[in-house]
Amino acid sequence: MATSNKPPAPPLARRLWDTGFPVTVVLLVLLVVWYGAAWGMNANAAIERVLEPTGNPWTWQDLMTTTWNMERPVMPAPHQIALDFWSSLMDWPLDSPRNLMFHVAVTGETTLVGFVLGTLLGLVLAVAIVHSRTLDRALLPWIVASQTVPVLAIAPIVLVILGSLGMEGLAPKAVISMYLSFFPVTVAMVQGLRSPQVIETEMLHTYAASPWQALWLLRLPAALPFLFPALRVGIAASLVGAMVAELPTGAVAGLGARLLTGSYYGNTLSIWSALVMSSLLGVLLTTVVAVTEHLALRHRRI
């Protein structure tokens, strides 16, 4: 009876230790540096606005406590961000603009619409480029060049043009989000559609397969491993585009609008809470794409 030479898998506790210990160490170092930065950056304001006006002597412990608990700090401490984050979720109804989930719903809708539009646009452009040498030479350089223009410069132009056409609300923000998300899909799919070997394309040609049959039976399946990594990048870029699109529109809802409002009123806690929520939303969206990739390509790993 044949025996396998594959070494046994390490126990679960060992795997958790190997992965969890480095992450824990990095997190602890980050917290120490963060608290130190909060102390240093808030010290002057704490002395001028809180400690000296009392007229009482104070110690470095008083300064440390004050810098880590100021109402409007320059650099909020991690526990302040956590408390504000929790309060914004639990102390207000979901339909209140003070609740972060209200803004997540607005930005998430724009992100998903822009991501779908960007993915469809990227797929269409990739198919056109692969099947037409003229379009390859004419479109691809301009597609690459389009990403050299900052999205903050594009956003007002898009808003003016679409506004003149009567398109307001979700549509302009989705277009800006699409602008950032279509590029990685286009580039990856061009590479993926061209990945089949010559012998494979010649075999389909021998069977008199049409270009569309070759696309559906050979090129698209071969491009899937290229597509999903691009989708993970694309949905993250779409989220960035959705938040950036909320800045010049004067939007009152959305994570970008929450950031802008916090900057207007000097509410750094609100700004950091919105940043944390946008990070969590990005992680959630990319995880959904990664799970979809695992389900779609699981048969390739067998």
C-alpha atoms as a PDB file:
ATOM      1  CA  MET A   1       0.000   0.000   0.000  1.00  0.00           C
ATOM      2  CA  ALA A   2       1.448   3.336  -1.043  1.00  0.00           C
ATOM      3  CA  THR A   3       2.126   5.874   1.642  1.00  0.00           C
ATOM      4  CA  SER A   4       2.093   9.627   1.214  1.00  0.00           C
ATOM      5  CA  ASN A   5       5.289  11.583   1.770  1.00  0.00           C
ATOM      6  CA  LYS A   6       3.351  14.752   2.508  1.00  0.00           C
ATOM      7  CA  PRO A   7       4.289  16.055   5.984  1.00  0.00           C
ATOM      8  CA  PRO A   8       1.463  16.249   8.493  1.00  0.00           C
ATOM      9  CA  ALA A   9      -0.228  19.588   8.912  1.00  0.00           C
ATOM     10  CA  PRO A  10       0.801  21.531  12.021  1.00  0.00           C
ATOM     11  CA  PRO A  11      -1.733  21.572  14.858  1.00  0.00           C
ATOM     12  CA  LEU A  12      -4.335  24.324  14.927  1.00  0.00           C
ATOM     13  CA  ALA A  13      -2.841  25.992  17.988  1.00  0.00           C
ATOM     14  CA  ARG A  14       0.536  26.252  16.258  1.00  0.00           C
ATOM     15  CA  ARG A  15      -0.999  27.755  13.103  1.00  0.00           C
ATOM     16  CA  LEU A  16      -2.927  30.305  15.152  1.00  0.00           C
ATOM     17  CA  TRP A  17       0.223  31.224  17.051  1.00  0.00           C
ATOM     18  CA  ASP A  18       2.280  31.576  13.866  1.00  0.00           C
ATOM     19  CA  THR A  19      -0.274  33.889  12.289  1.00  0.00           C
ATOM     20  CA  GLY A  20      -1.675  35.647  15.347  1.00  0.00           C
ATOM     21  CA  PHE A  21       1.533  36.510  17.205  1.00  0.00           C
ATOM     22  CA  PRO A  22       3.074  38.751  14.489  1.00  0.00           C
ATOM     23  CA  VAL A  23      -0.254  40.519  13.978  1.00  0.00           C
ATOM     24  CA  THR A  24      -0.615  41.093  17.730  1.00  0.00           C
ATOM     25  CA  VAL A  25       2.903  42.475  18.036  1.00  0.00           C
ATOM     26  CA  VAL A  26       2.381  44.887  15.148  1.00  0.00           C
ATOM     27  CA  LEU A  27      -0.957  45.993  16.608  1.00  0.00           C
ATOM     28  CA  LEU A  28       0.565  46.654  20.035  1.00  0.00           C
ATOM     29  CA  VAL A  29       3.426  48.656  18.519  1.00  0.00           C
ATOM     30  CA  LEU A  30       0.926  50.649  16.454  1.00  0.00           C
ATOM     31  CA  LEU A  31      -1.157  51.436  19.553  1.00  0.00           C
ATOM     32  CA  VAL A  32       1.892  52.583  21.511  1.00  0.00           C
ATOM     33  CA  VAL A  33       3.018  54.847  18.662  1.00  0.00           C
ATOM     34  CA  TRP A  34      -0.542  56.142  18.216  1.00  0.00           C
ATOM     35  CA  TYR A  35      -0.986  57.028  21.887  1.00  0.00           C
ATOM     36  CA  GLY A  36       2.432  58.689  21.876  1.00  0.00           C
ATOM     37  CA  ALA A  37       1.500  60.744  18.816  1.00  0.00           C
ATOM     38  CA  ALA A  38      -1.803  61.763  20.428  1.00  0.00           C
ATOM     39  CA  TRP A  39       0.051  62.887  23.530  1.00  0.00           C
ATOM     40  CA  GLY A  40       2.595  64.929  21.574  1.00  0.00           C
ATOM     41  CA  MET A  41       0.179  66.522  19.102  1.00  0.00           C
ATOM     42  CA  ASN A  42      -2.480  67.419  21.686  1.00  0.00           C
ATOM     43  CA  ALA A  43      -0.118  68.623  24.421  1.00  0.00           C
ATOM     44  CA  ASN A  44      -0.050  72.341  23.538  1.00  0.00           C
ATOM     45  CA  ALA A  45      -3.823  72.589  23.159  1.00  0.00           C
ATOM     46  CA  ALA A  46      -4.357  70.640  26.396  1.00  0.00           C
ATOM     47  CA  ILE A  47      -2.103  73.004  28.316  1.00  0.00           C
ATOM     48  CA  GLU A  48      -3.552  76.200  26.832  1.00  0.00           C
ATOM     49  CA  ARG A  49      -7.245  75.265  26.855  1.00  0.00           C
ATOM     50  CA  VAL A  50      -7.632  72.910  29.810  1.00  0.00           C
ATOM     51  CA  LEU A  51      -4.789  72.830  32.324  1.00  0.00           C
ATOM     52  CA  GLU A  52      -3.574  76.430  32.571  1.00  0.00           C
ATOM     53  CA  PRO A  53      -7.040  78.070  32.779  1.00  0.00           C
ATOM     54  CA  THR A  54      -7.721  76.157  36.013  1.00  0.00           C
ATOM     55  CA  GLY A  55      -4.817  77.903  37.735  1.00  0.00           C
ATOM     56  CA  ASN A  56      -3.957  74.710  39.597  1.00  0.00           C
ATOM     57  CA  PRO A  57      -0.603  72.937  39.392  1.00  0.00           C
ATOM     58  CA  TRP A  58      -0.572  69.924  37.128  1.00  0.00           C
ATOM     59  CA  THR A  59       1.699  66.956  36.531  1.00  0.00           C
ATOM     60  CA  TRP A  60       2.686  64.969  33.474  1.00  0.00           C
ATOM     61  CA  GLN A  61       0.039  62.408  34.432  1.00  0.00           C
ATOM     62  CA  ASP A  62      -2.598  65.154  34.234  1.00  0.00           C
ATOM     63  CA  LEU A  63      -1.240  66.190  30.859  1.00  0.00           C
ATOM     64  CA  MET A  64      -1.321  62.612  29.597  1.00  0.00           C
ATOM     65  CA  THR A  65      -4.901  62.079  30.760  1.00  0.00           C
ATOM     66  CA  THR A  66      -6.031  65.367  29.235  1.00  0.00           C
ATOM     67  CA  THR A  67      -4.383  64.812  25.874  1.00  0.00           C
ATOM     68  CA  TRP A  68      -6.055  61.415  25.561  1.00  0.00           C
ATOM     69  CA  ASN A  69      -9.547  62.681  26.450  1.00  0.00           C
ATOM     70  CA  MET A  70      -9.917  66.077  24.757  1.00  0.00           C
ATOM     71  CA  GLU A  71     -13.265  66.944  23.210  1.00  0.00           C
ATOM     72  CA  ARG A  72     -11.762  68.156  19.905  1.00  0.00           C
ATOM     73  CA  PRO A  73      -8.267  66.688  19.727  1.00  0.00           C
ATOM     74  CA  VAL A  74      -5.821  67.239  16.914  1.00  0.00           C
ATOM     75  CA  MET A  75      -5.000  63.524  17.014  1.00  0.00           C
ATOM     76  CA  PRO A  76      -7.675  61.463  18.808  1.00  0.00           C
ATOM     77  CA  ALA A  77      -6.594  58.496  20.883  1.00  0.00           C
ATOM     78  CA  PRO A  78      -7.702  55.026  19.712  1.00  0.00           C
ATOM     79  CA  HIS A  79     -10.167  54.596  22.568  1.00  0.00           C
ATOM     80  CA  GLN A  80     -11.822  57.910  21.689  1.00  0.00           C
ATOM     81  CA  ILE A  81     -12.328  56.781  18.103  1.00  0.00           C
ATOM     82  CA  ALA A  82     -13.744  53.453  19.307  1.00  0.00           C
ATOM     83  CA  LEU A  83     -16.193  55.192  21.666  1.00  0.00           C
ATOM     84  CA  ASP A  84     -17.333  57.667  19.002  1.00  0.00           C
ATOM     85  CA  PHE A  85     -17.665  54.843  16.476  1.00  0.00           C
ATOM     86  CA  TRP A  86     -19.818  52.812  18.878  1.00  0.00           C
ATOM     87  CA  SER A  87     -21.898  55.835  19.866  1.00  0.00           C
ATOM     88  CA  SER A  88     -22.638  56.735  16.244  1.00  0.00           C
ATOM     89  CA  LEU A  89     -23.923  53.213  15.634  1.00  0.00           C
ATOM     90  CA  MET A  90     -25.905  52.616  18.811  1.00  0.00           C
ATOM     91  CA  ASP A  91     -27.132  56.005  20.034  1.00  0.00           C
ATOM     92  CA  TRP A  92     -28.986  57.068  16.890  1.00  0.00           C
ATOM     93  CA  PRO A  93     -31.650  55.431  14.674  1.00  0.00           C
ATOM     94  CA  LEU A  94     -30.521  53.943  11.380  1.00  0.00           C
ATOM     95  CA  ASP A  95     -32.266  56.655   9.346  1.00  0.00           C
ATOM     96  CA  SER A  96     -30.511  59.455  11.240  1.00  0.00           C
ATOM     97  CA  PRO A  97     -27.647  61.321   9.523  1.00  0.00           C
ATOM     98  CA  ARG A  98     -25.733  60.950  12.785  1.00  0.00           C
ATOM     99  CA  ASN A  99     -25.644  57.174  12.368  1.00  0.00           C
ATOM    100  CA  LEU A 100     -22.701  55.877  10.348  1.00  0.00           C
ATOM    101  CA  MET A 101     -24.797  53.097   8.837  1.00  0.00           C
ATOM    102  CA  PHE A 102     -26.968  55.743   7.183  1.00  0.00           C
ATOM    103  CA  HIS A 103     -23.892  57.028   5.364  1.00  0.00           C
ATOM    104  CA  VAL A 104     -22.646  53.498   4.634  1.00  0.00           C
ATOM    105  CA  ALA A 105     -25.892  52.751   2.791  1.00  0.00           C
ATOM    106  CA  VAL A 106     -25.514  55.837   0.595  1.00  0.00           C
ATOM    107  CA  THR A 107     -21.843  55.284  -0.232  1.00  0.00           C
ATOM    108  CA  GLY A 108     -22.332  51.537  -0.609  1.00  0.00           C
ATOM    109  CA  GLU A 109     -25.081  52.030  -3.185  1.00  0.00           C
ATOM    110  CA  THR A 110     -22.889  54.352  -5.239  1.00  0.00           C
ATOM    111  CA  THR A 111     -19.956  51.965  -4.922  1.00  0.00           C
ATOM    112  CA  LEU A 112     -21.891  48.942  -6.140  1.00  0.00           C
ATOM    113  CA  VAL A 113     -23.514  50.755  -9.057  1.00  0.00           C
ATOM    114  CA  GLY A 114     -20.196  52.266 -10.120  1.00  0.00           C
ATOM    115  CA  PHE A 115     -18.465  48.894  -9.719  1.00  0.00           C
ATOM    116  CA  VAL A 116     -21.026  47.095 -11.895  1.00  0.00           C
ATOM    117  CA  LEU A 117     -20.838  49.788 -14.568  1.00  0.00           C
ATOM    118  CA  GLY A 118     -17.049  49.820 -14.448  1.00  0.00           C
ATOM    119  CA  THR A 119     -16.855  46.038 -14.701  1.00  0.00           C
ATOM    120  CA  LEU A 120     -19.194  45.951 -17.685  1.00  0.00           C
ATOM    121  CA  LEU A 121     -17.305  48.767 -19.387  1.00  0.00           C
ATOM    122  CA  GLY A 122     -13.980  47.028 -18.725  1.00  0.00           C
ATOM    123  CA  LEU A 123     -15.238  43.740 -20.148  1.00  0.00           C
ATOM    124  CA  VAL A 124     -16.612  45.364 -23.289  1.00  0.00           C
ATOM    125  CA  LEU A 125     -13.409  47.339 -23.879  1.00  0.00           C
ATOM    126  CA  ALA A 126     -11.229  44.262 -23.305  1.00  0.00           C
ATOM    127  CA  VAL A 127     -13.228  42.145 -25.761  1.00  0.00           C
ATOM    128  CA  ALA A 128     -13.108  44.920 -28.342  1.00  0.00           C
ATOM    129  CA  ILE A 129      -9.353  45.424 -27.918  1.00  0.00           C
ATOM    130  CA  VAL A 130      -8.566  41.712 -28.168  1.00  0.00           C
ATOM    131  CA  HIS A 131     -10.639  41.215 -31.316  1.00  0.00           C
ATOM    132  CA  SER A 132      -9.591  44.360 -33.162  1.00  0.00           C
ATOM    133  CA  ARG A 133      -6.004  45.373 -33.802  1.00  0.00           C
ATOM    134  CA  THR A 134      -7.208  48.866 -34.718  1.00  0.00           C
ATOM    135  CA  LEU A 135      -9.002  49.326 -31.398  1.00  0.00           C
ATOM    136  CA  ASP A 136      -5.983  47.889 -29.599  1.00  0.00           C
ATOM    137  CA  ARG A 137      -3.799  50.636 -31.025  1.00  0.00           C
ATOM    138  CA  ALA A 138      -6.443  53.346 -30.735  1.00  0.00           C
ATOM    139  CA  LEU A 139      -8.023  52.666 -27.327  1.00  0.00           C
ATOM    140  CA  LEU A 140      -5.448  51.113 -25.037  1.00  0.00           C
ATOM    141  CA  PRO A 141      -3.061  54.112 -24.899  1.00  0.00           C
ATOM    142  CA  TRP A 142      -5.970  56.427 -24.082  1.00  0.00           C
ATOM    143  CA  ILE A 143      -7.290  54.050 -21.433  1.00  0.00           C
ATOM    144  CA  VAL A 144      -3.891  54.075 -19.732  1.00  0.00           C
ATOM    145  CA  ALA A 145      -3.608  57.851 -20.103  1.00  0.00           C
ATOM    146  CA  SER A 146      -7.036  58.364 -18.537  1.00  0.00           C
ATOM    147  CA  GLN A 147      -5.721  57.145 -15.196  1.00  0.00           C
ATOM    148  CA  THR A 148      -3.065  59.866 -15.079  1.00  0.00           C
ATOM    149  CA  VAL A 149      -5.753  62.530 -14.585  1.00  0.00           C
ATOM    150  CA  PRO A 150      -6.612  62.987 -10.875  1.00  0.00           C
ATOM    151  CA  VAL A 151     -10.158  62.026 -10.064  1.00  0.00           C
ATOM    152  CA  LEU A 152     -10.604  65.285  -8.140  1.00  0.00           C
ATOM    153  CA  ALA A 153     -10.054  67.134 -11.426  1.00  0.00           C
ATOM    154  CA  ILE A 154     -12.468  64.875 -13.303  1.00  0.00           C
ATOM    155  CA  ALA A 155     -15.271  64.982 -10.733  1.00  0.00           C
ATOM    156  CA  PRO A 156     -16.393  68.638 -11.206  1.00  0.00           C
ATOM    157  CA  ILE A 157     -16.335  68.233 -15.008  1.00  0.00           C
ATOM    158  CA  VAL A 158     -18.497  65.108 -14.810  1.00  0.00           C
ATOM    159  CA  LEU A 159     -20.917  66.848 -12.471  1.00  0.00           C
ATOM    160  CA  VAL A 160     -21.295  69.851 -14.776  1.00  0.00           C
ATOM    161  CA  ILE A 161     -21.783  67.759 -17.925  1.00  0.00           C
ATOM    162  CA  LEU A 162     -24.242  65.302 -16.401  1.00  0.00           C
ATOM    163  CA  GLY A 163     -26.021  68.090 -14.537  1.00  0.00           C
ATOM    164  CA  SER A 164     -26.637  69.889 -17.831  1.00  0.00           C
ATOM    165  CA  LEU A 165     -28.216  66.670 -19.087  1.00  0.00           C
ATOM    166  CA  GLY A 166     -30.538  66.542 -16.101  1.00  0.00           C
ATOM    167  CA  MET A 167     -28.720  63.673 -14.384  1.00  0.00           C
ATOM    168  CA  GLU A 168     -28.404  64.291 -10.657  1.00  0.00           C
ATOM    169  CA  GLY A 169     -28.169  62.320  -7.442  1.00  0.00           C
ATOM    170  CA  LEU A 170     -26.740  58.836  -7.830  1.00  0.00           C
ATOM    171  CA  ALA A 171     -25.815  58.952 -11.532  1.00  0.00           C
ATOM    172  CA  PRO A 172     -22.909  61.450 -11.442  1.00  0.00           C
ATOM    173  CA  LYS A 173     -21.350  59.793  -8.393  1.00  0.00           C
ATOM    174  CA  ALA A 174     -21.677  56.349  -9.987  1.00  0.00           C
ATOM    175  CA  VAL A 175     -19.968  57.588 -13.162  1.00  0.00           C
ATOM    176  CA  ILE A 176     -17.026  58.922 -11.141  1.00  0.00           C
ATOM    177  CA  SER A 177     -16.858  55.627  -9.267  1.00  0.00           C
ATOM    178  CA  MET A 178     -16.957  53.773 -12.594  1.00  0.00           C
ATOM    179  CA  TYR A 179     -14.078  55.904 -13.873  1.00  0.00           C
ATOM    180  CA  LEU A 180     -11.760  54.459 -11.230  1.00  0.00           C
ATOM    181  CA  SER A 181     -12.999  50.869 -11.337  1.00  0.00           C
ATOM    182  CA  PHE A 182     -13.022  50.107 -15.083  1.00  0.00           C
ATOM    183  CA  PHE A 183      -9.258  50.397 -15.614  1.00  0.00           C
ATOM    184  CA  PRO A 184      -7.992  47.343 -13.646  1.00  0.00           C
ATOM    185  CA  VAL A 185     -10.735  45.191 -15.167  1.00  0.00           C
ATOM    186  CA  THR A 186      -9.856  46.291 -18.699  1.00  0.00           C
ATOM    187  CA  VAL A 187      -6.123  45.686 -18.354  1.00  0.00           C
ATOM    188  CA  ALA A 188      -6.512  42.338 -16.592  1.00  0.00           C
ATOM    189  CA  MET A 189      -9.106  41.051 -19.036  1.00  0.00           C
ATOM    190  CA  VAL A 190      -7.001  42.016 -22.057  1.00  0.00           C
ATOM    191  CA  GLN A 191      -4.188  39.945 -20.597  1.00  0.00           C
ATOM    192  CA  GLY A 192      -6.543  37.123 -19.650  1.00  0.00           C
ATOM    193  CA  LEU A 193      -8.304  36.939 -23.012  1.00  0.00           C
ATOM    194  CA  ARG A 194      -4.916  36.702 -24.695  1.00  0.00           C
ATOM    195  CA  SER A 195      -3.649  34.002 -22.320  1.00  0.00           C
ATOM    196  CA  PRO A 196      -4.791  30.879 -24.260  1.00  0.00           C
ATOM    197  CA  GLN A 197      -1.951  29.168 -26.100  1.00  0.00           C
ATOM    198  CA  VAL A 198      -1.736  29.052 -29.880  1.00  0.00           C
ATOM    199  CA  ILE A 199      -2.478  25.335 -29.975  1.00  0.00           C
ATOM    200  CA  GLU A 200      -5.768  25.916 -28.176  1.00  0.00           C
ATOM    201  CA  THR A 201      -6.909  28.666 -30.514  1.00  0.00           C
ATOM    202  CA  GLU A 202      -5.865  26.616 -33.538  1.00  0.00           C
ATOM    203  CA  MET A 203      -7.894  23.661 -32.270  1.00  0.00           C
ATOM    204  CA  LEU A 204     -11.049  25.774 -32.167  1.00  0.00           C
ATOM    205  CA  HIS A 205     -10.211  27.100 -35.604  1.00  0.00           C
ATOM    206  CA  THR A 206      -9.970  23.488 -36.799  1.00  0.00           C
ATOM    207  CA  TYR A 207     -13.488  22.891 -35.508  1.00  0.00           C
ATOM    208  CA  ALA A 208     -14.649  25.988 -37.440  1.00  0.00           C
ATOM    209  CA  ALA A 209     -15.616  27.811 -34.256  1.00  0.00           C
ATOM    210  CA  SER A 210     -16.727  31.403 -34.719  1.00  0.00           C
ATOM    211  CA  PRO A 211     -14.943  34.244 -32.877  1.00  0.00           C
ATOM    212  CA  TRP A 212     -17.838  34.455 -30.411  1.00  0.00           C
ATOM    213  CA  GLN A 213     -17.695  30.709 -29.773  1.00  0.00           C
ATOM    214  CA  ALA A 214     -13.958  30.968 -29.164  1.00  0.00           C
ATOM    215  CA  LEU A 215     -14.594  33.848 -26.798  1.00  0.00           C
ATOM    216  CA  TRP A 216     -17.236  31.982 -24.809  1.00  0.00           C
ATOM    217  CA  LEU A 217     -15.642  28.520 -24.784  1.00  0.00           C
ATOM    218  CA  LEU A 218     -11.945  29.372 -24.505  1.00  0.00           C
ATOM    219  CA  ARG A 219     -11.005  32.972 -23.869  1.00  0.00           C
ATOM    220  CA  LEU A 220     -13.478  33.859 -21.089  1.00  0.00           C
ATOM    221  CA  PRO A 221     -12.789  30.719 -18.984  1.00  0.00           C
ATOM    222  CA  ALA A 222      -9.057  31.280 -19.396  1.00  0.00           C
ATOM    223  CA  ALA A 223      -9.446  34.909 -18.294  1.00  0.00           C
ATOM    224  CA  LEU A 224     -11.289  34.187 -15.026  1.00  0.00           C
ATOM    225  CA  PRO A 225      -8.093  33.851 -12.923  1.00  0.00           C
ATOM    226  CA  PHE A 226      -7.096  37.278 -14.249  1.00  0.00           C
ATOM    227  CA  LEU A 227     -10.542  38.814 -13.723  1.00  0.00           C
ATOM    228  CA  PHE A 228     -11.141  38.249 -10.021  1.00  0.00           C
ATOM    229  CA  PRO A 229      -7.938  39.878  -8.709  1.00  0.00           C
ATOM    230  CA  ALA A 230      -8.832  42.862 -10.901  1.00  0.00           C
ATOM    231  CA  LEU A 231     -12.333  42.890  -9.411  1.00  0.00           C
ATOM    232  CA  ARG A 232     -10.877  43.098  -5.902  1.00  0.00           C
ATOM    233  CA  VAL A 233      -8.856  46.117  -6.966  1.00  0.00           C
ATOM    234  CA  GLY A 234     -11.794  47.531  -8.883  1.00  0.00           C
ATOM    235  CA  ILE A 235     -14.278  47.427  -6.035  1.00  0.00           C
ATOM    236  CA  ALA A 236     -11.788  49.108  -3.701  1.00  0.00           C
ATOM    237  CA  ALA A 237     -11.191  51.797  -6.329  1.00  0.00           C
ATOM    238  CA  SER A 238     -14.940  52.129  -6.775  1.00  0.00           C
ATOM    239  CA  LEU A 239     -15.333  52.842  -3.063  1.00  0.00           C
ATOM    240  CA  VAL A 240     -12.660  55.531  -3.259  1.00  0.00           C
ATOM    241  CA  GLY A 241     -14.386  57.041  -6.277  1.00  0.00           C
ATOM    242  CA  ALA A 242     -17.751  57.044  -4.523  1.00  0.00           C
ATOM    243  CA  MET A 243     -16.325  58.892  -1.525  1.00  0.00           C
ATOM    244  CA  VAL A 244     -14.415  61.381  -3.678  1.00  0.00           C
ATOM    245  CA  ALA A 245     -17.539  62.017  -5.759  1.00  0.00           C
ATOM    246  CA  GLU A 246     -19.405  63.125  -2.634  1.00  0.00           C
ATOM    247  CA  LEU A 247     -16.951  65.951  -1.944  1.00  0.00           C
ATOM    248  CA  PRO A 248     -17.616  68.389  -4.825  1.00  0.00           C
ATOM    249  CA  THR A 249     -21.343  67.567  -5.024  1.00  0.00           C
ATOM    250  CA  GLY A 250     -22.086  69.106  -1.649  1.00  0.00           C
ATOM    251  CA  ALA A 251     -23.705  65.842  -0.624  1.00  0.00           C
ATOM    252  CA  VAL A 252     -25.186  65.666   2.860  1.00  0.00           C
ATOM    253  CA  ALA A 253     -25.095  61.864   3.031  1.00  0.00           C
ATOM    254  CA  GLY A 254     -22.339  59.361   2.493  1.00  0.00           C
ATOM    255  CA  LEU A 255     -19.005  58.659   4.108  1.00  0.00           C
ATOM    256  CA  GLY A 256     -17.293  61.289   1.952  1.00  0.00           C
ATOM    257  CA  ALA A 257     -19.870  63.860   3.035  1.00  0.00           C
ATOM    258  CA  ARG A 258     -19.305  62.785   6.655  1.00  0.00           C
ATOM    259  CA  LEU A 259     -15.581  63.420   6.245  1.00  0.00           C
ATOM    260  CA  LEU A 260     -16.244  66.814   4.697  1.00  0.00           C
ATOM    261  CA  THR A 261     -18.669  67.828   7.451  1.00  0.00           C
ATOM    262  CA  GLY A 262     -16.222  66.771  10.127  1.00  0.00           C
ATOM    263  CA  SER A 263     -13.466  68.851   8.534  1.00  0.00           C
ATOM    264  CA  TYR A 264     -15.747  71.908   8.344  1.00  0.00           C
ATOM    265  CA  TYR A 265     -16.545  71.789  12.058  1.00  0.00           C
ATOM    266  CA  GLY A 266     -13.156  70.539  13.232  1.00  0.00           C
ATOM    267  CA  ASN A 267     -14.688  67.325  14.540  1.00  0.00           C
ATOM    268  CA  THR A 268     -11.715  65.000  14.214  1.00  0.00           C
ATOM    269  CA  LEU A 269     -13.500  62.169  16.020  1.00  0.00           C
ATOM    270  CA  SER A 270     -16.192  62.165  13.351  1.00  0.00           C
ATOM    271  CA  ILE A 271     -13.533  62.162  10.631  1.00  0.00           C
ATOM    272  CA  TRP A 272     -11.676  59.201  12.093  1.00  0.00           C
ATOM    273  CA  SER A 273     -14.866  57.236  12.717  1.00  0.00           C
ATOM    274  CA  ALA A 274     -15.840  57.704   9.075  1.00  0.00           C
ATOM    275  CA  LEU A 275     -12.365  56.585   8.003  1.00  0.00           C
ATOM    276  CA  VAL A 276     -12.618  53.440  10.119  1.00  0.00           C
ATOM    277  CA  MET A 277     -16.061  52.678   8.712  1.00  0.00           C
ATOM    278  CA  SER A 278     -14.871  53.189   5.135  1.00  0.00           C
ATOM    279  CA  SER A 279     -11.996  50.777   5.811  1.00  0.00           C
ATOM    280  CA  LEU A 280     -14.384  48.173   7.189  1.00  0.00           C
ATOM    281  CA  LEU A 281     -16.682  48.643   4.197  1.00  0.00           C
ATOM    282  CA  GLY A 282     -13.747  48.177   1.838  1.00  0.00           C
ATOM    283  CA  VAL A 283     -12.683  45.000   3.641  1.00  0.00           C
ATOM    284  CA  LEU A 284     -16.249  43.665   3.469  1.00  0.00           C
ATOM    285  CA  LEU A 285     -16.607  44.348  -0.256  1.00  0.00           C
ATOM    286  CA  THR A 286     -13.247  42.828  -1.177  1.00  0.00           C
ATOM    287  CA  THR A 287     -14.032  39.800   1.001  1.00  0.00           C
ATOM    288  CA  VAL A 288     -17.290  39.256  -0.881  1.00  0.00           C
ATOM    289  CA  VAL A 289     -15.377  39.332  -4.177  1.00  0.00           C
ATOM    290  CA  ALA A 290     -12.761  36.935  -2.771  1.00  0.00           C
ATOM    291  CA  VAL A 291     -15.459  34.491  -1.628  1.00  0.00           C
ATOM    292  CA  THR A 292     -17.097  34.706  -5.049  1.00  0.00           C
ATOM    293  CA  GLU A 293     -13.723  33.962  -6.640  1.00  0.00           C
ATOM    294  CA  HIS A 294     -13.270  30.913  -4.416  1.00  0.00           C
ATOM    295  CA  LEU A 295     -16.696  29.565  -5.354  1.00  0.00           C
ATOM    296  CA  ALA A 296     -16.283  30.284  -9.066  1.00  0.00           C
ATOM    297  CA  LEU A 297     -12.801  28.812  -9.372  1.00  0.00           C
ATOM    298  CA  ARG A 298     -12.957  25.987  -6.836  1.00  0.00           C
ATOM    299  CA  HIS A 299     -13.188  23.365  -9.593  1.00  0.00           C
ATOM    300  CA  ARG A 300      -9.821  24.570 -10.947  1.00  0.00           C
ATOM    301  CA  ARG A 301      -8.110  23.715  -7.644  1.00  0.00           C
ATOM    302  CA  ILE A 302      -9.259  20.095  -7.548  1.00  0.00           C
END
